[in-house]
Every structure is written in C-alpha cells, then in structure tokens.
Amino acid sequence: MSEIEKIDAQPETWDRLFANVGQLGVITTVDGAGNVNAATFATCVRVVHQPVHIAFTTSPYKHTYKNVQETGQFTVNLPSFDRDILEKACVLGLPFDRGVNELEKAGFGAIPARTVKPPRVAECHRHFECEVLWTKEWTGRVMVVGNVLAASVDADCVDDRGYILFDKVKPVQYCGAPYQKYQGPPYHHWFVASYETMSVATPYDGPEMAEHDKIVADDLHFR
C-alpha cells in the first residue's frame, strides 16, 4: 500500500476523534515475550470524555485478555467500511494459536505505536494507544477499560479543528455473532456503515435550552 501520513492528535481532540461513540475496533496487544496479537471487537466504546477512556468486552479465555493482564497495554485501531479492510478483519477472528501474529495472517501492515508496545494497524485511519485502568469479569465475559495515552489519525481524515471527516473514516459497526447464521454455511460476517450524518436542532423553547447551551459551551457534559 502507498505511504499514509499519520499525524499525532492533540489531547483536546481525542474525544471527538473517537466518533461514533461505539464501533468496531481492531485491538492489538502483545504478550510478555513481545508476540503481537490482533483481534476484532464489536464492543469498543468511548466511555469517558476527559480523560478519554475506551472500553471493550471479550471472553476471559481470549488471547487479548491474557495479554492485557500480562502487559497492561492495548492499541485500538478503528477500521473503515471497506470490503478489503473488513475481509482482513474477519481473518483476525479465526482461532489461531497463541503467539501467532494475526496481522501477518490477515495481510495487515503494522507500524510502531508512539507510547505502547502493541502496534498500530496501518490500514486503519485512527489509533488510540491505551494503558489498562481496570478489568471486571462477569457471566463469562470481561470488560477492559483503558486510559488513552496517545492518539493518531491519517492526515486527510480530520479537519483543522480535529473533527473527523466521516466520508473519509467511514465508521463501521458489527451486526453481532448471531447474524453469522443469517446465511450459510459457509458463514459470513455482517457489518453496518455508520457514517451518514445529520445536524439536528432541538425543537424546544424554554429555560432548559439556555441551561443546555451553557453546559455545552462550558464543557460541563465532559465532567
């Protein structure tokens, strides 16, 4: 692939860079020996505005969870709604042995992260390098929450204020595991494009509107 210019995003733009709030992510980790692992997760969510925290859920037996337990780091890479990218993302979900580099199996490119050991995925437009804050296991699942240490983005995917260009980044969501049985075998994964935007004013005339405007202007909803 041609060389893509990645730029470091300033901390004050990290929150707006992770739009939509919840979306499909490719999460890279490394084990204690430095072996790279990569997996796709439908449950990547920005859960805190400032500082920016990102959460995802997985299963306790997954290599991703074992790695974050060992190293305390992960990198979230956000893929776009492009068939080539999503086909490679599907490969990441296959049951490879621990220690196998899924990025290489899928044909993804890896570039070093700025602050953590798990690499960035070159073909993804946006990247969030995280340290683990806490994990919680329940009913056969585990939630991992990380604090963002650095974020980067393709230079042509944001405007001069750090807002993403949706027609460039093309956020994608996953329909969920049950949809694999919608047809097949062979079974297919189903994805949804989530980048058609609409600016909507609030049709209400009352004192609450002035209060709302102050909350937004003063960034009170970030606290």
Protein backbone atom coordinates (compact mmCIF):
# COMPACT_ATOMS: atom_id res chain seq x y z
CA MET A 1 0.00 0.00 0.00
CA SER A 2 1.10 3.59 -0.54
CA GLU A 3 2.62 5.52 2.33
CA ILE A 4 -0.05 7.12 4.54
CA GLU A 5 0.83 10.17 6.61
CA LYS A 6 -0.16 9.62 10.23
CA ILE A 7 -0.34 12.69 12.44
CA ASP A 8 -0.38 12.87 16.23
CA ALA A 9 -3.69 14.14 17.56
CA GLN A 10 -3.62 16.71 20.34
CA PRO A 11 -5.20 15.54 23.63
CA GLU A 12 -8.01 18.08 23.42
CA THR A 13 -9.20 16.40 20.18
CA TRP A 14 -9.06 12.75 21.29
CA ASP A 15 -12.69 12.68 22.37
CA ARG A 16 -14.02 13.97 19.04
CA LEU A 17 -11.63 11.66 17.19
CA PHE A 18 -13.40 8.60 18.63
CA ALA A 19 -16.72 9.16 16.87
CA ASN A 20 -19.03 7.31 16.68
CA VAL A 21 -19.12 6.62 20.42
CA GLY A 22 -19.34 2.84 19.89
CA GLN A 23 -17.94 0.98 16.88
CA LEU A 24 -15.94 -1.94 15.53
CA GLY A 25 -12.30 -1.92 16.57
CA VAL A 26 -9.18 -3.92 15.82
CA ILE A 27 -7.31 -4.28 19.10
CA THR A 28 -3.65 -5.15 19.14
CA THR A 29 -1.80 -6.47 22.18
CA VAL A 30 1.49 -8.19 22.90
CA ASP A 31 2.26 -10.99 25.32
CA GLY A 32 5.07 -10.99 27.85
CA ALA A 33 7.50 -12.20 25.19
CA GLY A 34 6.52 -9.41 22.78
CA ASN A 35 4.47 -11.54 20.37
CA VAL A 36 1.80 -9.47 18.61
CA ASN A 37 -1.87 -10.43 18.77
CA ALA A 38 -4.72 -8.77 16.92
CA ALA A 39 -8.47 -9.30 17.18
CA THR A 40 -11.68 -7.55 16.17
CA PHE A 41 -14.19 -6.38 18.76
CA ALA A 42 -17.67 -5.02 18.15
CA THR A 43 -17.89 -3.53 21.64
CA CYS A 44 -15.36 -0.69 21.50
CA VAL A 45 -16.88 2.31 23.30
CA ARG A 46 -15.55 5.68 24.42
CA VAL A 47 -16.83 5.70 28.00
CA VAL A 48 -15.24 8.86 29.47
CA HIS A 49 -14.73 12.23 27.75
CA GLN A 50 -11.86 13.75 29.72
CA PRO A 51 -9.55 11.99 30.22
CA VAL A 52 -10.51 9.78 27.30
CA HIS A 53 -11.21 6.20 28.37
CA ILE A 54 -12.06 3.40 25.95
CA ALA A 55 -13.71 0.12 26.93
CA PHE A 56 -14.31 -3.20 25.22
CA THR A 57 -15.61 -6.61 26.24
CA THR A 58 -14.18 -10.01 25.49
CA SER A 59 -14.05 -13.53 26.91
CA PRO A 60 -11.66 -14.48 29.71
CA TYR A 61 -10.06 -17.25 27.61
CA LYS A 62 -9.20 -14.93 24.71
CA HIS A 63 -5.57 -14.14 23.94
CA THR A 64 -6.33 -10.42 24.05
CA TYR A 65 -7.38 -10.60 27.69
CA LYS A 66 -4.43 -12.77 28.67
CA ASN A 67 -2.08 -10.27 27.02
CA VAL A 68 -3.53 -7.17 28.69
CA GLN A 69 -3.25 -8.98 32.01
CA GLU A 70 0.45 -9.58 31.32
CA THR A 71 1.43 -6.20 29.87
CA GLY A 72 -1.32 -3.71 30.81
CA GLN A 73 -1.41 -2.20 27.31
CA PHE A 74 -3.52 -2.30 24.14
CA THR A 75 -3.98 -0.23 20.99
CA VAL A 76 -7.41 0.41 19.48
CA ASN A 77 -7.42 0.74 15.69
CA LEU A 78 -10.68 1.78 14.01
CA PRO A 79 -11.31 0.18 10.59
CA SER A 80 -13.44 1.68 7.83
CA PHE A 81 -16.44 0.37 5.91
CA ASP A 82 -14.38 -1.02 3.04
CA ARG A 83 -14.70 -4.63 1.92
CA ASP A 84 -10.96 -5.27 1.70
CA ILE A 85 -10.42 -3.99 5.24
CA LEU A 86 -13.37 -5.93 6.66
CA GLU A 87 -12.33 -9.16 4.94
CA LYS A 88 -8.95 -8.88 6.63
CA ALA A 89 -10.68 -8.07 9.92
CA CYS A 90 -12.65 -11.32 9.59
CA VAL A 91 -9.40 -13.28 9.34
CA LEU A 92 -8.34 -11.87 12.71
CA GLY A 93 -11.27 -13.68 14.32
CA LEU A 94 -10.08 -17.15 13.34
CA PRO A 95 -8.86 -19.46 16.15
CA PHE A 96 -5.10 -19.10 15.69
CA ASP A 97 -2.77 -20.46 18.36
CA ARG A 98 -1.42 -18.08 20.95
CA GLY A 99 1.79 -16.45 19.77
CA VAL A 100 0.68 -16.33 16.11
CA ASN A 101 0.71 -12.83 14.61
CA GLU A 102 -2.80 -12.40 13.22
CA LEU A 103 -1.86 -9.17 11.45
CA GLU A 104 0.53 -11.11 9.25
CA LYS A 105 -2.03 -13.86 8.64
CA ALA A 106 -4.61 -11.28 7.53
CA GLY A 107 -2.21 -9.23 5.44
CA PHE A 108 -2.46 -6.10 7.56
CA GLY A 109 0.50 -3.76 7.90
CA ALA A 110 1.88 -2.85 11.33
CA ILE A 111 3.53 0.41 12.33
CA PRO A 112 5.02 1.14 15.76
CA ALA A 113 2.86 2.89 18.31
CA ARG A 114 4.09 6.11 19.93
CA THR A 115 3.84 5.17 23.60
CA VAL A 116 2.97 1.47 23.97
CA LYS A 117 4.25 -1.84 22.59
CA PRO A 118 1.12 -3.04 20.71
CA PRO A 119 1.43 -1.70 17.14
CA ARG A 120 -0.92 0.40 15.11
CA VAL A 121 -2.65 -1.16 12.09
CA ALA A 122 -1.52 0.80 9.04
CA GLU A 123 -4.76 0.36 7.08
CA CYS A 124 -6.92 1.80 9.88
CA HIS A 125 -7.42 5.56 9.87
CA ARG A 126 -7.49 6.17 13.65
CA HIS A 127 -5.47 4.77 16.54
CA PHE A 128 -5.73 5.04 20.34
CA GLU A 129 -2.87 3.78 22.50
CA CYS A 130 -4.08 2.72 25.94
CA GLU A 131 -2.92 1.58 29.35
CA VAL A 132 -5.28 -0.68 31.28
CA LEU A 133 -7.16 1.05 34.11
CA TRP A 134 -9.26 -1.87 35.30
CA THR A 135 -10.90 -5.11 34.23
CA LYS A 136 -14.02 -6.84 35.52
CA GLU A 137 -15.22 -10.38 34.85
CA TRP A 138 -18.90 -11.33 34.96
CA THR A 139 -21.13 -14.07 33.46
CA GLY A 140 -18.42 -15.44 31.22
CA ARG A 141 -17.35 -12.04 29.91
CA VAL A 142 -14.77 -9.46 30.88
CA MET A 143 -14.71 -5.69 30.40
CA VAL A 144 -11.40 -3.94 29.85
CA VAL A 145 -11.14 -0.17 30.32
CA GLY A 146 -8.09 1.76 29.20
CA ASN A 147 -6.82 5.31 29.52
CA VAL A 148 -5.70 6.83 26.22
CA LEU A 149 -2.03 7.83 26.28
CA ALA A 150 -1.73 8.89 22.62
CA ALA A 151 -3.92 9.09 19.54
CA SER A 152 -3.11 9.44 15.86
CA VAL A 153 -5.02 9.73 12.61
CA ASP A 154 -4.49 9.83 8.87
CA ALA A 155 -3.76 13.44 7.98
CA ASP A 156 -6.55 13.64 5.38
CA CYS A 157 -9.25 12.31 7.72
CA VAL A 158 -9.67 15.30 10.07
CA ASP A 159 -10.30 19.00 9.64
CA ASP A 160 -8.12 21.74 11.14
CA ARG A 161 -10.06 21.55 14.44
CA GLY A 162 -9.59 17.82 14.86
CA TYR A 163 -13.12 16.82 13.89
CA ILE A 164 -13.24 13.67 11.76
CA LEU A 165 -14.36 13.69 8.14
CA PHE A 166 -16.98 10.96 8.22
CA ASP A 167 -16.90 10.27 4.49
CA LYS A 168 -13.17 9.55 4.86
CA VAL A 169 -13.06 7.46 8.03
CA LYS A 170 -16.35 5.62 7.34
CA PRO A 171 -17.02 4.17 10.83
CA VAL A 172 -18.36 0.62 10.87
CA GLN A 173 -20.42 -1.41 13.31
CA TYR A 174 -20.81 -5.18 13.58
CA CYS A 175 -24.25 -6.78 13.47
CA GLY A 176 -23.28 -9.36 16.08
CA ALA A 177 -22.39 -13.03 16.22
CA PRO A 178 -25.99 -14.28 15.69
CA TYR A 179 -26.01 -12.79 12.17
CA GLN A 180 -23.32 -15.23 11.09
CA LYS A 181 -26.16 -17.75 10.83
CA TYR A 182 -28.25 -15.45 8.62
CA GLN A 183 -26.95 -17.45 5.68
CA GLY A 184 -24.59 -20.36 5.10
CA PRO A 185 -22.58 -22.33 5.74
CA PRO A 186 -20.15 -21.03 4.78
CA TYR A 187 -20.95 -18.38 7.37
CA HIS A 188 -20.48 -14.67 6.69
CA HIS A 189 -19.96 -11.69 8.97
CA TRP A 190 -22.39 -8.77 8.66
CA PHE A 191 -21.38 -5.13 9.08
CA VAL A 192 -23.22 -1.80 9.04
CA ALA A 193 -21.94 1.50 7.65
CA SER A 194 -22.47 4.25 10.23
CA TYR A 195 -21.23 7.47 8.71
CA GLU A 196 -24.26 9.25 7.26
CA THR A 197 -24.56 12.37 9.41
CA MET A 198 -27.36 14.84 10.12
CA SER A 199 -27.27 18.07 12.14
CA VAL A 200 -30.44 18.25 14.26
CA ALA A 201 -31.56 21.29 16.29
CA THR A 202 -33.59 20.78 19.47
CA PRO A 203 -37.18 21.99 18.80
CA TYR A 204 -37.86 23.34 22.27
CA ASP A 205 -38.36 26.86 23.59
CA GLY A 206 -37.83 27.08 27.33
CA PRO A 207 -35.28 27.95 30.03
CA GLU A 208 -33.78 24.47 29.78
CA MET A 209 -32.39 25.36 26.36
CA ALA A 210 -30.30 28.19 27.79
CA GLU A 211 -29.05 25.86 30.53
CA HIS A 212 -28.22 23.23 27.91
CA ASP A 213 -26.31 25.75 25.81
CA LYS A 214 -24.25 26.76 28.84
CA ILE A 215 -23.47 23.13 29.63
CA VAL A 216 -22.17 22.63 26.08
CA ALA A 217 -20.29 25.94 25.94
CA ASP A 218 -18.56 25.28 29.27
CA ASP A 219 -17.87 21.60 28.51
CA LEU A 220 -19.75 20.64 31.66
CA HIS A 221 -21.03 17.45 30.00
CA PHE A 222 -17.41 16.28 29.78
CA ARG A 223 -17.07 16.11 33.57
